[in-house]
């Protein structure tokens, strides 16, 4: 089984993105992993991932991003057709109240086995939960664009998005108490989640 596994580069003034650091280190010997660094930039993010889908023809697509403030690894249930950027992306774009795809459907549900993924992570001792909001920034945008492209093309492969918390190195100098998860736990959580894909069971 070939899995396209993507992680965003750092954004919002951060020096590191735990999603990318974890993706770099994930090792699942039973699968062929195609790993991809994705720019935290509207349009570019989708183009990079859609190009990789066309060139690598994976059996599944798992995109990973950072969700600061969360304490669990959270597979996303749904992507909505809206961009409403609270902060600029890495090229200074900050679109508000516009669709990810003009005249696209209101939302797409993940086609990953999200509850099985959560169960697998919990069995591995990693805090995990299904999330019902991927936000309205580049993470949600990428999830929507990938699911839309697959739906339009008729390709029936599992695809979706997983958010991960900050790592402790990102929270030490913050005035407020912000949850985090050690990088090695994020890596083990993602590995367990990948084994929950149909070919890994």
N, C-alpha and C. Protein backbone atom coordinates (compact mmCIF):
# COMPACT_ATOMS: atom_id res chain seq x y z
N UNK A 1 0.85 -1.19 0.00
CA UNK A 1 0.00 0.00 0.00
C UNK A 1 0.89 1.25 0.00
N UNK A 2 0.58 2.18 -0.89
CA UNK A 2 1.34 3.42 -0.97
C UNK A 2 0.51 4.55 -0.36
N UNK A 3 1.09 5.25 0.62
CA UNK A 3 0.40 6.33 1.31
C UNK A 3 1.14 7.64 1.06
N UNK A 4 0.41 8.64 0.60
CA UNK A 4 0.95 9.99 0.52
C UNK A 4 0.72 10.64 1.87
N UNK A 5 1.80 10.99 2.56
CA UNK A 5 1.75 11.56 3.91
C UNK A 5 2.36 12.95 3.85
N UNK A 6 1.56 13.96 4.18
CA UNK A 6 2.02 15.35 4.02
C UNK A 6 2.03 16.08 5.36
N UNK A 7 2.95 17.06 5.47
CA UNK A 7 3.03 17.91 6.65
C UNK A 7 3.36 19.34 6.25
N UNK A 8 2.73 20.30 6.91
CA UNK A 8 2.96 21.71 6.61
C UNK A 8 4.27 22.22 7.18
N UNK A 9 4.85 23.22 6.51
CA UNK A 9 6.01 23.91 7.06
C UNK A 9 5.56 24.85 8.19
N UNK A 10 6.51 25.38 9.00
CA UNK A 10 6.12 26.26 10.11
C UNK A 10 5.40 27.51 9.61
N UNK A 11 4.48 28.01 10.43
CA UNK A 11 3.71 29.20 10.06
C UNK A 11 3.37 29.98 11.32
N UNK A 12 2.85 31.18 11.12
CA UNK A 12 2.40 31.99 12.25
C UNK A 12 3.50 32.40 13.20
N UNK A 13 4.72 32.53 12.68
CA UNK A 13 5.84 32.94 13.53
C UNK A 13 6.53 31.82 14.26
N UNK A 14 6.04 30.60 14.12
CA UNK A 14 6.67 29.45 14.77
C UNK A 14 7.95 29.05 14.03
N UNK A 15 8.90 28.49 14.77
CA UNK A 15 10.15 28.03 14.17
C UNK A 15 10.08 26.57 13.75
N UNK A 16 9.06 25.87 14.22
CA UNK A 16 8.93 24.45 13.94
C UNK A 16 7.45 24.14 13.76
N UNK A 17 7.16 23.14 12.97
CA UNK A 17 5.79 22.63 12.85
C UNK A 17 5.83 21.16 13.23
N UNK A 18 5.19 20.78 14.34
CA UNK A 18 5.27 19.38 14.78
C UNK A 18 4.69 18.41 13.77
N UNK A 19 3.75 18.87 12.94
CA UNK A 19 3.20 18.00 11.91
C UNK A 19 4.29 17.55 10.95
N UNK A 20 5.08 18.50 10.47
CA UNK A 20 6.14 18.16 9.52
C UNK A 20 7.23 17.33 10.19
N UNK A 21 7.61 17.71 11.42
CA UNK A 21 8.66 16.96 12.12
C UNK A 21 8.24 15.52 12.35
N UNK A 22 6.98 15.32 12.67
CA UNK A 22 6.50 13.96 12.88
C UNK A 22 6.45 13.19 11.57
N UNK A 23 5.93 13.83 10.52
CA UNK A 23 5.84 13.16 9.22
C UNK A 23 7.22 12.71 8.76
N UNK A 24 8.22 13.53 8.97
CA UNK A 24 9.59 13.17 8.56
C UNK A 24 10.06 11.89 9.23
N UNK A 25 9.59 11.65 10.45
CA UNK A 25 10.11 10.54 11.27
C UNK A 25 9.21 9.31 11.30
N UNK A 26 8.00 9.43 10.80
CA UNK A 26 7.10 8.28 10.80
C UNK A 26 7.71 7.13 9.99
N UNK A 27 7.65 5.93 10.56
CA UNK A 27 8.17 4.74 9.88
C UNK A 27 7.14 3.64 10.00
N UNK A 28 6.63 3.19 8.87
CA UNK A 28 5.65 2.11 8.83
C UNK A 28 6.16 1.10 7.80
N UNK A 29 6.93 0.11 8.24
CA UNK A 29 7.61 -0.79 7.29
C UNK A 29 6.67 -1.51 6.33
N UNK A 30 5.43 -1.73 6.73
CA UNK A 30 4.50 -2.49 5.89
C UNK A 30 3.96 -1.68 4.71
N UNK A 31 4.15 -0.36 4.74
CA UNK A 31 3.62 0.51 3.70
C UNK A 31 4.76 1.24 2.98
N UNK A 32 4.48 1.67 1.77
CA UNK A 32 5.36 2.59 1.07
C UNK A 32 4.87 4.01 1.37
N UNK A 33 5.69 4.79 2.04
CA UNK A 33 5.31 6.15 2.41
C UNK A 33 5.95 7.15 1.45
N UNK A 34 5.12 7.98 0.85
CA UNK A 34 5.61 9.11 0.07
C UNK A 34 5.39 10.34 0.93
N UNK A 35 6.47 10.95 1.39
CA UNK A 35 6.38 12.07 2.33
C UNK A 35 6.56 13.39 1.59
N UNK A 36 5.75 14.38 1.98
CA UNK A 36 5.73 15.63 1.23
C UNK A 36 5.64 16.81 2.20
N UNK A 37 6.54 17.78 2.02
CA UNK A 37 6.44 19.05 2.76
C UNK A 37 5.53 19.99 1.99
N UNK A 38 4.54 20.54 2.68
CA UNK A 38 3.53 21.38 2.04
C UNK A 38 3.69 22.82 2.53
N UNK A 39 3.75 23.80 1.63
CA UNK A 39 3.82 25.20 2.06
C UNK A 39 2.50 25.65 2.68
N UNK A 40 2.59 26.39 3.77
CA UNK A 40 1.38 26.92 4.40
C UNK A 40 0.96 28.16 3.65
N UNK A 41 0.49 27.92 2.44
CA UNK A 41 0.11 28.98 1.51
C UNK A 41 -1.13 28.52 0.74
N UNK A 42 -2.17 29.32 0.78
CA UNK A 42 -3.35 29.00 0.00
C UNK A 42 -2.98 28.81 -1.47
N UNK A 43 -3.66 27.96 -2.13
CA UNK A 43 -3.48 27.57 -3.53
C UNK A 43 -2.22 26.74 -3.71
N UNK A 44 -1.06 27.24 -3.26
CA UNK A 44 0.17 26.46 -3.42
C UNK A 44 0.06 25.12 -2.71
N UNK A 45 -0.53 25.12 -1.51
CA UNK A 45 -0.66 23.89 -0.74
C UNK A 45 -1.43 22.85 -1.54
N UNK A 46 -2.56 23.26 -2.08
CA UNK A 46 -3.38 22.32 -2.85
C UNK A 46 -2.65 21.86 -4.10
N UNK A 47 -1.98 22.77 -4.80
CA UNK A 47 -1.32 22.40 -6.04
C UNK A 47 -0.21 21.38 -5.79
N UNK A 48 0.56 21.58 -4.73
CA UNK A 48 1.66 20.66 -4.41
C UNK A 48 1.11 19.26 -4.12
N UNK A 49 0.04 19.19 -3.34
CA UNK A 49 -0.49 17.88 -2.97
C UNK A 49 -1.21 17.22 -4.15
N UNK A 50 -1.99 17.99 -4.90
CA UNK A 50 -2.69 17.40 -6.04
C UNK A 50 -1.71 16.92 -7.11
N UNK A 51 -0.62 17.66 -7.30
CA UNK A 51 0.41 17.21 -8.24
C UNK A 51 1.02 15.89 -7.77
N UNK A 52 1.24 15.77 -6.45
CA UNK A 52 1.82 14.54 -5.91
C UNK A 52 0.87 13.37 -6.05
N UNK A 53 -0.42 13.62 -5.90
CA UNK A 53 -1.41 12.56 -6.09
C UNK A 53 -1.35 12.05 -7.53
N UNK A 54 -1.24 12.97 -8.48
CA UNK A 54 -1.19 12.58 -9.88
C UNK A 54 0.10 11.83 -10.22
N UNK A 55 1.19 12.27 -9.65
CA UNK A 55 2.47 11.66 -10.02
C UNK A 55 2.72 10.34 -9.29
N UNK A 56 2.27 10.22 -8.05
CA UNK A 56 2.57 9.02 -7.25
C UNK A 56 1.43 8.02 -7.23
N UNK A 57 0.20 8.45 -7.55
CA UNK A 57 -0.96 7.56 -7.57
C UNK A 57 -1.05 6.74 -6.27
N UNK A 58 -1.15 7.40 -5.13
CA UNK A 58 -1.17 6.68 -3.85
C UNK A 58 -2.49 5.93 -3.65
N UNK A 59 -2.46 5.00 -2.70
CA UNK A 59 -3.66 4.27 -2.31
C UNK A 59 -4.42 4.97 -1.19
N UNK A 60 -3.78 5.95 -0.57
CA UNK A 60 -4.43 6.75 0.48
C UNK A 60 -3.66 8.06 0.62
N UNK A 61 -4.37 9.09 1.08
CA UNK A 61 -3.75 10.40 1.30
C UNK A 61 -4.06 10.83 2.73
N UNK A 62 -3.01 11.08 3.49
CA UNK A 62 -3.16 11.53 4.87
C UNK A 62 -2.37 12.82 5.03
N UNK A 63 -3.09 13.93 5.20
CA UNK A 63 -2.45 15.23 5.40
C UNK A 63 -2.44 15.53 6.90
N UNK A 64 -1.35 16.13 7.36
CA UNK A 64 -1.18 16.38 8.79
C UNK A 64 -0.85 17.86 9.00
N UNK A 65 -1.45 18.44 10.03
CA UNK A 65 -1.21 19.85 10.35
C UNK A 65 -1.21 20.09 11.84
N UNK A 66 -0.77 21.27 12.22
CA UNK A 66 -0.68 21.69 13.62
C UNK A 66 -1.97 22.39 14.04
N UNK A 67 -2.47 22.01 15.22
CA UNK A 67 -3.61 22.72 15.83
C UNK A 67 -3.21 23.10 17.24
N UNK A 68 -2.57 24.26 17.38
CA UNK A 68 -2.16 24.73 18.69
C UNK A 68 -3.34 24.90 19.62
N UNK A 69 -3.20 24.42 20.85
CA UNK A 69 -4.28 24.51 21.82
C UNK A 69 -4.98 23.18 22.05
N UNK A 70 -4.82 22.25 21.14
CA UNK A 70 -5.40 20.93 21.34
C UNK A 70 -4.46 20.05 22.14
N UNK A 71 -5.03 19.11 22.86
CA UNK A 71 -4.23 18.21 23.70
C UNK A 71 -4.20 16.79 23.16
N UNK A 72 -4.91 16.55 22.07
CA UNK A 72 -5.00 15.21 21.48
C UNK A 72 -4.68 15.26 19.99
N UNK A 73 -4.34 14.11 19.43
CA UNK A 73 -4.24 13.99 17.99
C UNK A 73 -5.66 13.79 17.47
N UNK A 74 -6.05 14.59 16.49
CA UNK A 74 -7.45 14.65 16.11
C UNK A 74 -7.66 14.48 14.61
N UNK A 75 -8.03 13.28 14.17
CA UNK A 75 -8.49 13.13 12.79
C UNK A 75 -9.74 13.98 12.56
N UNK A 76 -9.79 14.67 11.44
CA UNK A 76 -10.90 15.57 11.15
C UNK A 76 -12.03 14.84 10.44
N UNK A 77 -13.25 15.13 10.87
CA UNK A 77 -14.42 14.50 10.25
C UNK A 77 -14.83 15.18 8.95
N UNK A 78 -14.69 16.53 8.89
CA UNK A 78 -15.30 17.25 7.78
C UNK A 78 -14.46 18.45 7.38
N UNK A 79 -14.45 18.76 6.09
CA UNK A 79 -13.85 19.98 5.56
C UNK A 79 -14.97 20.83 4.96
N UNK A 80 -14.98 22.12 5.25
CA UNK A 80 -16.05 22.99 4.76
C UNK A 80 -15.52 23.93 3.67
N UNK A 81 -16.43 24.35 2.81
CA UNK A 81 -16.05 25.16 1.64
C UNK A 81 -16.01 26.64 2.00
N UNK A 82 -15.07 26.97 2.88
CA UNK A 82 -14.90 28.37 3.29
C UNK A 82 -13.44 28.61 3.67
N UNK A 83 -12.97 29.78 3.30
CA UNK A 83 -11.67 30.27 3.77
C UNK A 83 -11.94 31.55 4.55
N UNK A 84 -11.47 31.58 5.78
CA UNK A 84 -11.63 32.77 6.62
C UNK A 84 -10.41 32.86 7.51
N UNK A 85 -9.32 33.38 6.96
CA UNK A 85 -8.01 33.30 7.59
C UNK A 85 -7.88 34.29 8.75
N UNK A 86 -7.63 33.75 9.95
CA UNK A 86 -7.43 34.61 11.12
C UNK A 86 -6.07 35.30 11.07
N UNK A 87 -5.07 34.63 10.46
CA UNK A 87 -3.73 35.17 10.30
C UNK A 87 -3.33 35.01 8.84
N UNK A 88 -2.31 35.74 8.39
CA UNK A 88 -1.85 35.55 7.01
C UNK A 88 -1.16 34.20 6.83
N UNK A 89 -1.21 33.68 5.60
CA UNK A 89 -0.41 32.49 5.31
C UNK A 89 1.04 32.91 5.12
N UNK A 90 1.88 31.99 4.71
CA UNK A 90 3.32 32.29 4.64
C UNK A 90 3.72 33.17 3.47
N UNK A 91 2.78 33.59 2.66
CA UNK A 91 3.04 34.60 1.63
C UNK A 91 2.25 35.88 1.87
N UNK A 92 1.69 35.99 3.06
CA UNK A 92 0.97 37.21 3.40
C UNK A 92 -0.47 37.26 2.95
N UNK A 93 -0.97 36.18 2.36
CA UNK A 93 -2.36 36.14 1.94
C UNK A 93 -3.27 35.95 3.16
N UNK A 94 -4.35 36.69 3.22
CA UNK A 94 -5.29 36.52 4.32
C UNK A 94 -6.73 36.65 3.80
N UNK A 95 -7.15 35.69 2.98
CA UNK A 95 -8.50 35.78 2.43
C UNK A 95 -9.57 35.62 3.50
N UNK A 96 -10.68 36.28 3.29
CA UNK A 96 -11.79 36.24 4.25
C UNK A 96 -13.08 35.88 3.53
N UNK A 97 -13.84 35.03 4.15
CA UNK A 97 -15.21 34.73 3.70
C UNK A 97 -15.30 34.42 2.21
N UNK A 98 -14.43 33.54 1.74
CA UNK A 98 -14.50 33.13 0.34
C UNK A 98 -14.42 31.61 0.25
N UNK A 99 -14.94 31.03 -0.81
CA UNK A 99 -14.96 29.57 -0.90
C UNK A 99 -13.60 28.98 -1.24
N UNK A 100 -13.39 27.76 -0.82
CA UNK A 100 -12.20 27.02 -1.26
C UNK A 100 -12.32 26.66 -2.72
N UNK A 101 -13.54 26.32 -3.15
CA UNK A 101 -13.83 26.00 -4.56
C UNK A 101 -15.15 26.67 -4.92
N UNK A 102 -15.12 27.58 -5.88
CA UNK A 102 -16.34 28.25 -6.29
C UNK A 102 -17.36 27.22 -6.78
N UNK A 103 -18.57 27.36 -6.29
CA UNK A 103 -19.68 26.49 -6.65
C UNK A 103 -19.45 25.04 -6.23
N UNK A 104 -18.48 24.80 -5.34
CA UNK A 104 -18.30 23.47 -4.79
C UNK A 104 -19.34 23.19 -3.72
N UNK A 105 -19.51 21.93 -3.34
CA UNK A 105 -20.46 21.61 -2.28
C UNK A 105 -20.05 22.24 -0.95
N UNK A 106 -21.00 22.34 -0.05
CA UNK A 106 -20.75 23.00 1.23
C UNK A 106 -19.66 22.31 2.03
N UNK A 107 -19.55 20.99 1.91
CA UNK A 107 -18.59 20.26 2.74
C UNK A 107 -18.31 18.89 2.14
N UNK A 108 -17.19 18.33 2.58
CA UNK A 108 -16.85 16.94 2.28
C UNK A 108 -16.50 16.25 3.59
N UNK A 109 -16.98 15.02 3.75
CA UNK A 109 -16.57 14.23 4.89
C UNK A 109 -15.29 13.48 4.57
N UNK A 110 -14.43 13.33 5.57
CA UNK A 110 -13.22 12.52 5.42
C UNK A 110 -13.59 11.12 4.96
N UNK A 111 -12.75 10.55 4.13
CA UNK A 111 -12.94 9.16 3.74
C UNK A 111 -11.92 8.25 4.42
N UNK A 112 -11.19 8.81 5.38
CA UNK A 112 -10.34 7.99 6.24
C UNK A 112 -11.21 7.30 7.29
N UNK A 113 -10.75 6.16 7.82
CA UNK A 113 -11.49 5.49 8.90
C UNK A 113 -11.19 6.19 10.24
N UNK A 114 -11.74 7.37 10.43
CA UNK A 114 -11.30 8.23 11.52
C UNK A 114 -11.53 7.62 12.90
N UNK A 115 -12.63 6.93 13.10
CA UNK A 115 -12.86 6.34 14.43
C UNK A 115 -11.95 5.14 14.67
N UNK A 116 -11.67 4.38 13.64
CA UNK A 116 -10.69 3.30 13.78
C UNK A 116 -9.31 3.87 14.09
N UNK A 117 -8.98 5.00 13.47
CA UNK A 117 -7.69 5.64 13.74
C UNK A 117 -7.61 6.09 15.20
N UNK A 118 -8.66 6.70 15.68
CA UNK A 118 -8.69 7.13 17.09
C UNK A 118 -8.53 5.93 18.01
N UNK A 119 -9.26 4.87 17.73
CA UNK A 119 -9.17 3.66 18.55
C UNK A 119 -7.76 3.07 18.54
N UNK A 120 -7.14 3.06 17.37
CA UNK A 120 -5.77 2.53 17.27
C UNK A 120 -4.79 3.37 18.06
N UNK A 121 -4.96 4.69 18.00
CA UNK A 121 -4.06 5.57 18.77
C UNK A 121 -4.28 5.40 20.26
N UNK A 122 -5.52 5.32 20.68
CA UNK A 122 -5.81 5.13 22.10
C UNK A 122 -5.25 3.79 22.60
N UNK A 123 -5.36 2.76 21.78
CA UNK A 123 -4.80 1.46 22.14
C UNK A 123 -3.29 1.55 22.33
N UNK A 124 -2.65 2.42 21.54
CA UNK A 124 -1.20 2.63 21.65
C UNK A 124 -0.84 3.58 22.79
N UNK A 125 -1.84 4.05 23.53
CA UNK A 125 -1.59 4.93 24.67
C UNK A 125 -1.43 6.38 24.30
N UNK A 126 -1.91 6.77 23.12
CA UNK A 126 -1.77 8.14 22.64
C UNK A 126 -3.13 8.84 22.75
N UNK A 127 -3.18 10.03 23.36
CA UNK A 127 -4.47 10.74 23.44
C UNK A 127 -4.96 11.14 22.06
N UNK A 128 -6.21 10.77 21.75
CA UNK A 128 -6.75 11.02 20.42
C UNK A 128 -8.26 11.18 20.51
N UNK A 129 -8.82 11.89 19.53
CA UNK A 129 -10.27 12.09 19.46
C UNK A 129 -10.62 12.54 18.06
N UNK A 130 -11.85 12.26 17.64
CA UNK A 130 -12.36 12.81 16.39
C UNK A 130 -12.64 14.29 16.58
N UNK A 131 -12.25 15.10 15.60
CA UNK A 131 -12.55 16.53 15.61
C UNK A 131 -13.61 16.82 14.55
N UNK A 132 -14.51 17.72 14.90
CA UNK A 132 -15.58 18.11 13.96
C UNK A 132 -15.33 19.47 13.34
N UNK A 133 -14.14 20.02 13.52
CA UNK A 133 -13.81 21.27 12.84
C UNK A 133 -12.34 21.31 12.49
N UNK A 134 -12.06 21.46 11.21
CA UNK A 134 -10.69 21.61 10.75
C UNK A 134 -10.29 23.08 10.64
N UNK A 135 -11.15 23.98 11.17
CA UNK A 135 -10.86 25.40 11.11
C UNK A 135 -11.25 26.00 9.77
N UNK A 136 -10.70 27.17 9.49
CA UNK A 136 -10.98 27.85 8.21
C UNK A 136 -9.69 28.39 7.59
N UNK A 137 -8.56 27.80 7.99
CA UNK A 137 -7.26 28.25 7.47
C UNK A 137 -6.79 27.24 6.42
N UNK A 138 -5.49 27.14 6.21
CA UNK A 138 -4.95 26.34 5.11
C UNK A 138 -5.19 24.85 5.32
N UNK A 139 -5.26 24.39 6.57
CA UNK A 139 -5.51 22.97 6.83
C UNK A 139 -6.86 22.54 6.26
N UNK A 140 -7.91 23.25 6.64
CA UNK A 140 -9.24 22.94 6.13
C UNK A 140 -9.28 23.10 4.61
N UNK A 141 -8.64 24.15 4.12
CA UNK A 141 -8.60 24.39 2.67
C UNK A 141 -7.99 23.19 1.93
N UNK A 142 -6.86 22.71 2.44
CA UNK A 142 -6.18 21.59 1.78
C UNK A 142 -7.05 20.34 1.83
N UNK A 143 -7.63 20.06 2.98
CA UNK A 143 -8.49 18.89 3.10
C UNK A 143 -9.64 18.97 2.11
N UNK A 144 -10.27 20.13 2.03
CA UNK A 144 -11.39 20.30 1.10
C UNK A 144 -10.95 20.09 -0.34
N UNK A 145 -9.84 20.75 -0.72
CA UNK A 145 -9.39 20.67 -2.11
C UNK A 145 -9.03 19.24 -2.51
N UNK A 146 -8.39 18.50 -1.61
CA UNK A 146 -8.02 17.12 -1.92
C UNK A 146 -9.27 16.27 -2.10
N UNK A 147 -10.21 16.37 -1.16
CA UNK A 147 -11.43 15.57 -1.25
C UNK A 147 -12.26 15.97 -2.47
N UNK A 148 -12.27 17.26 -2.79
CA UNK A 148 -13.00 17.71 -3.96
C UNK A 148 -12.38 17.14 -5.24
N UNK A 149 -11.07 17.21 -5.34
CA UNK A 149 -10.39 16.70 -6.54
C UNK A 149 -10.63 15.21 -6.71
N UNK A 150 -10.57 14.45 -5.63
CA UNK A 150 -10.79 13.02 -5.72
C UNK A 150 -12.24 12.71 -6.10
N UNK A 151 -13.18 13.48 -5.53
CA UNK A 151 -14.59 13.27 -5.86
C UNK A 151 -14.87 13.57 -7.32
N UNK A 152 -14.31 14.64 -7.83
CA UNK A 152 -14.53 15.03 -9.22
C UNK A 152 -13.92 14.01 -10.18
N UNK A 153 -12.76 13.49 -9.80
CA UNK A 153 -12.08 12.53 -10.67
C UNK A 153 -12.66 11.12 -10.57
N UNK A 154 -13.45 10.89 -9.54
CA UNK A 154 -14.03 9.56 -9.35
C UNK A 154 -13.08 8.56 -8.72
N UNK A 155 -11.93 9.03 -8.23
CA UNK A 155 -10.97 8.12 -7.60
C UNK A 155 -11.40 7.82 -6.17
N UNK A 156 -11.60 6.55 -5.86
CA UNK A 156 -12.12 6.16 -4.56
C UNK A 156 -10.97 5.69 -3.68
N UNK A 157 -10.23 6.62 -3.14
CA UNK A 157 -9.16 6.26 -2.20
C UNK A 157 -9.40 7.01 -0.90
N UNK A 158 -9.03 6.41 0.23
CA UNK A 158 -9.19 7.10 1.51
C UNK A 158 -8.33 8.36 1.55
N UNK A 159 -8.91 9.44 2.03
CA UNK A 159 -8.18 10.70 2.13
C UNK A 159 -8.77 11.55 3.24
N UNK A 160 -7.92 12.33 3.85
CA UNK A 160 -8.40 13.22 4.90
C UNK A 160 -7.25 13.90 5.62
N UNK A 161 -7.55 14.39 6.81
CA UNK A 161 -6.63 15.27 7.52
C UNK A 161 -6.57 14.90 8.99
N UNK A 162 -5.38 15.02 9.57
CA UNK A 162 -5.17 14.81 11.00
C UNK A 162 -4.46 16.02 11.58
N UNK A 163 -5.00 16.58 12.66
CA UNK A 163 -4.34 17.66 13.38
C UNK A 163 -3.57 17.12 14.58
N UNK A 164 -2.42 17.71 14.84
CA UNK A 164 -1.61 17.32 16.00
C UNK A 164 -1.38 18.55 16.89
N UNK A 165 -1.15 18.33 18.20
CA UNK A 165 -0.92 19.46 19.11
C UNK A 165 0.47 20.07 18.93
N UNK A 166 0.69 21.17 19.64
CA UNK A 166 2.04 21.69 19.80
C UNK A 166 2.92 20.62 20.44
N UNK A 167 4.22 20.73 20.24
CA UNK A 167 5.18 19.97 21.04
C UNK A 167 5.67 20.88 22.17
N UNK A 168 6.20 20.30 23.27
CA UNK A 168 6.58 21.12 24.43
C UNK A 168 7.54 22.26 24.11
N UNK A 169 8.41 22.05 23.12
CA UNK A 169 9.38 23.10 22.76
C UNK A 169 8.69 24.38 22.30
N UNK A 170 7.45 24.29 21.87
CA UNK A 170 6.72 25.46 21.39
C UNK A 170 5.98 26.20 22.50
N UNK A 171 5.86 25.59 23.64
CA UNK A 171 4.98 26.16 24.68
C UNK A 171 5.72 26.73 25.88
N UNK A 172 7.03 26.49 25.96
CA UNK A 172 7.77 26.86 27.16
C UNK A 172 7.78 28.33 27.48
N UNK A 173 7.77 29.19 26.47
CA UNK A 173 7.87 30.64 26.71
C UNK A 173 6.53 31.36 26.64
N UNK A 174 5.44 30.62 26.62
CA UNK A 174 4.13 31.25 26.53
C UNK A 174 3.63 31.59 27.93
N UNK A 175 2.99 32.73 28.02
CA UNK A 175 2.48 33.18 29.32
C UNK A 175 1.35 32.28 29.80
N UNK A 176 0.50 31.85 28.86
CA UNK A 176 -0.63 31.02 29.24
C UNK A 176 -0.26 29.54 29.21
N UNK A 177 -1.04 28.73 29.88
CA UNK A 177 -0.80 27.30 29.92
C UNK A 177 -1.41 26.68 28.66
N UNK A 178 -0.56 26.20 27.76
CA UNK A 178 -1.01 25.65 26.49
C UNK A 178 -0.66 24.17 26.45
N UNK A 179 -1.63 23.30 26.10
CA UNK A 179 -1.32 21.87 26.05
C UNK A 179 -0.34 21.53 24.94
N UNK A 180 0.35 20.44 25.12
CA UNK A 180 1.31 19.97 24.11
C UNK A 180 1.43 18.45 24.24
N UNK A 181 2.13 17.88 23.28
CA UNK A 181 2.37 16.44 23.26
C UNK A 181 3.79 16.22 22.76
N UNK A 182 4.57 15.38 23.43
CA UNK A 182 5.94 15.13 22.96
C UNK A 182 5.95 14.59 21.53
N UNK A 183 6.98 14.97 20.79
CA UNK A 183 7.06 14.58 19.39
C UNK A 183 7.04 13.07 19.22
N UNK A 184 7.71 12.32 20.10
CA UNK A 184 7.72 10.87 19.93
C UNK A 184 6.33 10.28 20.08
N UNK A 185 5.47 10.90 20.90
CA UNK A 185 4.10 10.40 21.01
C UNK A 185 3.29 10.73 19.75
N UNK A 186 3.53 11.90 19.19
CA UNK A 186 2.85 12.25 17.94
C UNK A 186 3.24 11.27 16.84
N UNK A 187 4.52 10.96 16.76
CA UNK A 187 5.00 10.00 15.75
C UNK A 187 4.32 8.65 15.94
N UNK A 188 4.31 8.15 17.17
CA UNK A 188 3.70 6.84 17.43
C UNK A 188 2.20 6.88 17.15
N UNK A 189 1.58 8.01 17.45
CA UNK A 189 0.15 8.14 17.17
C UNK A 189 -0.14 8.08 15.68
N UNK A 190 0.65 8.79 14.89
CA UNK A 190 0.44 8.76 13.44
C UNK A 190 0.70 7.37 12.87
N UNK A 191 1.72 6.71 13.38
CA UNK A 191 2.00 5.35 12.90
C UNK A 191 0.83 4.41 13.20
N UNK A 192 0.28 4.52 14.42
CA UNK A 192 -0.87 3.69 14.77
C UNK A 192 -2.07 4.02 13.88
N UNK A 193 -2.26 5.30 13.61
CA UNK A 193 -3.38 5.73 12.76
C UNK A 193 -3.24 5.15 11.36
N UNK A 194 -2.04 5.12 10.81
CA UNK A 194 -1.84 4.60 9.46
C UNK A 194 -2.15 3.11 9.41
N UNK A 195 -1.84 2.39 10.46
CA UNK A 195 -2.14 0.96 10.48
C UNK A 195 -3.64 0.68 10.54
N UNK A 196 -4.43 1.71 10.87
CA UNK A 196 -5.89 1.55 10.87
C UNK A 196 -6.49 1.69 9.48
N UNK A 197 -5.69 2.09 8.50
CA UNK A 197 -6.18 2.12 7.13
C UNK A 197 -6.54 0.71 6.68
N UNK A 198 -7.48 0.57 5.75
CA UNK A 198 -7.98 -0.77 5.41
C UNK A 198 -6.92 -1.81 5.11
N UNK A 199 -5.87 -1.46 4.39
CA UNK A 199 -4.85 -2.44 4.04
C UNK A 199 -3.93 -2.78 5.21
N UNK A 200 -4.01 -1.96 6.27
CA UNK A 200 -3.14 -2.21 7.42
C UNK A 200 -3.79 -3.05 8.49
N UNK A 201 -5.08 -3.35 8.34
CA UNK A 201 -5.81 -4.07 9.38
C UNK A 201 -5.72 -5.57 9.19
